[in-house]
Amino acid sequence: MICVKSQMLKVVGLHVVGMGADEMIQGFGVAMKMGATKADFDNCVAVHPTAAEEVVTLPPWGLSHKDL
């Protein structure tokens, strides 16, 4: 997940690799077009067991907690 820090961690990119990636990325594409932020993804209910649950449960990476 690629986010822009200066825009409240707006999601501007997402890479998905593996089986079912084509189906999974479609839904995330809609969210990105609507201006979704990392917080929006964090507030999603993770459907288990699916590969998509990994995207909505991603921990912050490359940021310290004070940056959030």
Foldseek 3Di string as FASTA:
>chain_A
DQFDLVVQRFDDDDDDDDPPPVVLVVVVVVCSVVRDHLVNLCPDDQDPPDPNSCSSPPDDDPDDPVSD
